[in-house]
């Protein structure tokens, strides 16, 4: 399940790159919100199956949800794309290092 989660995280950036190349603008909250949906959704799915869920999944999802709420309510012009990329990479790398695949 972790590899599928990682796939969805990578696909978020691939889709965004394709949309930006075609001139389609996305709101700044889209990336952190979609990443938080993927991570928290993955955590809830694994938890419902009584599988072990990495704390990194929950922390990354919560951090991205916080960034999305900052974009939605306090600072809509702020772009968190770089931070989101670091969170995605951190979740994937920690999963590889700890063997949670």
C-alpha atoms as a PDB file:
ATOM      1  CA  UNK A   1       0.000   0.000   0.000  1.00  0.00           C
ATOM      2  CA  UNK A   2       2.891   2.360   0.709  1.00  0.00           C
ATOM      3  CA  UNK A   3       4.168   2.075  -2.837  1.00  0.00           C
ATOM      4  CA  UNK A   4       0.744   2.957  -4.189  1.00  0.00           C
ATOM      5  CA  UNK A   5       0.708   6.001  -1.910  1.00  0.00           C
ATOM      6  CA  UNK A   6       4.129   7.031  -3.198  1.00  0.00           C
ATOM      7  CA  UNK A   7       2.906   6.581  -6.760  1.00  0.00           C
ATOM      8  CA  UNK A   8      -0.014   8.943  -6.124  1.00  0.00           C
ATOM      9  CA  UNK A   9       2.316  11.519  -4.552  1.00  0.00           C
ATOM     10  CA  UNK A  10       4.586  11.443  -7.610  1.00  0.00           C
ATOM     11  CA  UNK A  11       1.561  11.623  -9.915  1.00  0.00           C
ATOM     12  CA  UNK A  12       0.399  14.825  -8.222  1.00  0.00           C
ATOM     13  CA  UNK A  13       3.602  16.537  -9.325  1.00  0.00           C
ATOM     14  CA  UNK A  14       3.488  14.973 -12.787  1.00  0.00           C
ATOM     15  CA  UNK A  15      -0.066  16.195 -13.353  1.00  0.00           C
ATOM     16  CA  UNK A  16       0.795  19.642 -12.063  1.00  0.00           C
ATOM     17  CA  UNK A  17       3.772  19.904 -14.407  1.00  0.00           C
ATOM     18  CA  UNK A  18       1.620  18.909 -17.383  1.00  0.00           C
ATOM     19  CA  UNK A  19      -1.073  21.418 -16.427  1.00  0.00           C
ATOM     20  CA  UNK A  20       1.431  24.229 -15.875  1.00  0.00           C
ATOM     21  CA  UNK A  21       3.141  23.504 -19.211  1.00  0.00           C
ATOM     22  CA  UNK A  22      -0.214  23.781 -20.975  1.00  0.00           C
ATOM     23  CA  UNK A  23      -0.851  27.165 -19.362  1.00  0.00           C
ATOM     24  CA  UNK A  24      -3.550  25.986 -16.983  1.00  0.00           C
ATOM     25  CA  UNK A  25      -3.209  27.745 -13.647  1.00  0.00           C
ATOM     26  CA  UNK A  26      -3.954  25.952 -10.405  1.00  0.00           C
ATOM     27  CA  UNK A  27      -4.733  27.591  -7.075  1.00  0.00           C
ATOM     28  CA  UNK A  28      -1.874  27.490  -4.572  1.00  0.00           C
ATOM     29  CA  UNK A  29      -3.833  25.288  -2.168  1.00  0.00           C
ATOM     30  CA  UNK A  30      -4.246  22.464  -4.703  1.00  0.00           C
ATOM     31  CA  UNK A  31      -0.902  20.714  -4.147  1.00  0.00           C
ATOM     32  CA  UNK A  32      -0.894  20.642  -0.332  1.00  0.00           C
ATOM     33  CA  UNK A  33      -4.568  19.669  -0.199  1.00  0.00           C
ATOM     34  CA  UNK A  34      -4.202  16.852  -2.736  1.00  0.00           C
ATOM     35  CA  UNK A  35      -1.089  15.574  -0.944  1.00  0.00           C
ATOM     36  CA  UNK A  36      -2.854  15.610   2.409  1.00  0.00           C
ATOM     37  CA  UNK A  37      -5.824  13.745   0.923  1.00  0.00           C
ATOM     38  CA  UNK A  38      -3.488  11.074  -0.456  1.00  0.00           C
ATOM     39  CA  UNK A  39      -1.517  10.647   2.780  1.00  0.00           C
ATOM     40  CA  UNK A  40      -4.416  10.824   5.232  1.00  0.00           C
ATOM     41  CA  UNK A  41      -6.573   8.675   2.947  1.00  0.00           C
ATOM     42  CA  UNK A  42      -3.811   6.082   2.750  1.00  0.00           C
ATOM     43  CA  UNK A  43      -3.423   6.140   6.521  1.00  0.00           C
ATOM     44  CA  UNK A  44      -7.149   5.697   7.079  1.00  0.00           C
ATOM     45  CA  UNK A  45      -7.319   2.854   4.560  1.00  0.00           C
ATOM     46  CA  UNK A  46      -4.399   1.032   6.182  1.00  0.00           C
ATOM     47  CA  UNK A  47      -5.778   1.648   9.670  1.00  0.00           C
ATOM     48  CA  UNK A  48      -9.190   0.275   8.656  1.00  0.00           C
ATOM     49  CA  UNK A  49      -7.451  -2.931   7.508  1.00  0.00           C
ATOM     50  CA  UNK A  50      -5.643  -3.087  10.871  1.00  0.00           C
ATOM     51  CA  UNK A  51      -2.304  -2.646   9.132  1.00  0.00           C
ATOM     52  CA  UNK A  52       0.521  -0.686  10.685  1.00  0.00           C
ATOM     53  CA  UNK A  53       0.544   2.930   9.536  1.00  0.00           C
ATOM     54  CA  UNK A  54       3.812   4.819   9.557  1.00  0.00           C
ATOM     55  CA  UNK A  55       3.789   7.912  11.771  1.00  0.00           C
ATOM     56  CA  UNK A  56       5.419   9.714   8.859  1.00  0.00           C
ATOM     57  CA  UNK A  57       2.226   9.231   6.856  1.00  0.00           C
ATOM     58  CA  UNK A  58       0.133  10.910   9.545  1.00  0.00           C
ATOM     59  CA  UNK A  59       2.648  13.710  10.155  1.00  0.00           C
ATOM     60  CA  UNK A  60       3.118  14.438   6.463  1.00  0.00           C
ATOM     61  CA  UNK A  61      -0.637  14.472   5.880  1.00  0.00           C
ATOM     62  CA  UNK A  62      -1.206  16.778   8.838  1.00  0.00           C
ATOM     63  CA  UNK A  63       1.567  19.142   7.726  1.00  0.00           C
ATOM     64  CA  UNK A  64       0.163  19.317   4.202  1.00  0.00           C
ATOM     65  CA  UNK A  65      -3.362  19.881   5.535  1.00  0.00           C
ATOM     66  CA  UNK A  66      -1.977  22.742   7.617  1.00  0.00           C
ATOM     67  CA  UNK A  67      -0.286  24.263   4.576  1.00  0.00           C
ATOM     68  CA  UNK A  68      -3.515  23.965   2.590  1.00  0.00           C
ATOM     69  CA  UNK A  69      -5.446  25.721   5.338  1.00  0.00           C
ATOM     70  CA  UNK A  70      -2.863  28.529   5.394  1.00  0.00           C
ATOM     71  CA  UNK A  71      -3.408  28.926   1.639  1.00  0.00           C
ATOM     72  CA  UNK A  72      -7.174  28.821   1.943  1.00  0.00           C
ATOM     73  CA  UNK A  73      -7.675  31.124   4.918  1.00  0.00           C
ATOM     74  CA  UNK A  74      -4.662  33.330   5.652  1.00  0.00           C
ATOM     75  CA  UNK A  75      -2.302  33.669   2.736  1.00  0.00           C
ATOM     76  CA  UNK A  76      -3.779  32.587  -0.622  1.00  0.00           C
ATOM     77  CA  UNK A  77      -0.907  34.123  -2.612  1.00  0.00           C
ATOM     78  CA  UNK A  78       1.752  32.027  -0.843  1.00  0.00           C
ATOM     79  CA  UNK A  79       3.123  29.126  -2.903  1.00  0.00           C
ATOM     80  CA  UNK A  80       4.083  26.001  -0.931  1.00  0.00           C
ATOM     81  CA  UNK A  81       5.094  23.889  -3.923  1.00  0.00           C
ATOM     82  CA  UNK A  82       8.720  23.532  -2.764  1.00  0.00           C
ATOM     83  CA  UNK A  83       7.762  22.627   0.792  1.00  0.00           C
ATOM     84  CA  UNK A  84       5.247  20.089  -0.506  1.00  0.00           C
ATOM     85  CA  UNK A  85       7.934  18.506  -2.663  1.00  0.00           C
ATOM     86  CA  UNK A  86      10.174  18.208   0.400  1.00  0.00           C
ATOM     87  CA  UNK A  87       7.365  16.629   2.451  1.00  0.00           C
ATOM     88  CA  UNK A  88       6.582  14.148  -0.345  1.00  0.00           C
ATOM     89  CA  UNK A  89      10.268  13.265  -0.718  1.00  0.00           C
ATOM     90  CA  UNK A  90      10.658  12.954   3.051  1.00  0.00           C
ATOM     91  CA  UNK A  91       7.725  10.560   3.348  1.00  0.00           C
ATOM     92  CA  UNK A  92       9.079   8.410   0.524  1.00  0.00           C
ATOM     93  CA  UNK A  93      12.692   8.430   1.753  1.00  0.00           C
ATOM     94  CA  UNK A  94      11.772   7.660   5.361  1.00  0.00           C
ATOM     95  CA  UNK A  95       9.598   4.802   4.113  1.00  0.00           C
ATOM     96  CA  UNK A  96      12.503   3.399   2.111  1.00  0.00           C
ATOM     97  CA  UNK A  97      15.023   3.781   4.953  1.00  0.00           C
ATOM     98  CA  UNK A  98      12.735   2.207   7.569  1.00  0.00           C
ATOM     99  CA  UNK A  99      11.628  -0.558   5.205  1.00  0.00           C
ATOM    100  CA  UNK A 100       7.936   0.286   5.374  1.00  0.00           C
ATOM    101  CA  UNK A 101       7.125  -0.704   1.821  1.00  0.00           C
END
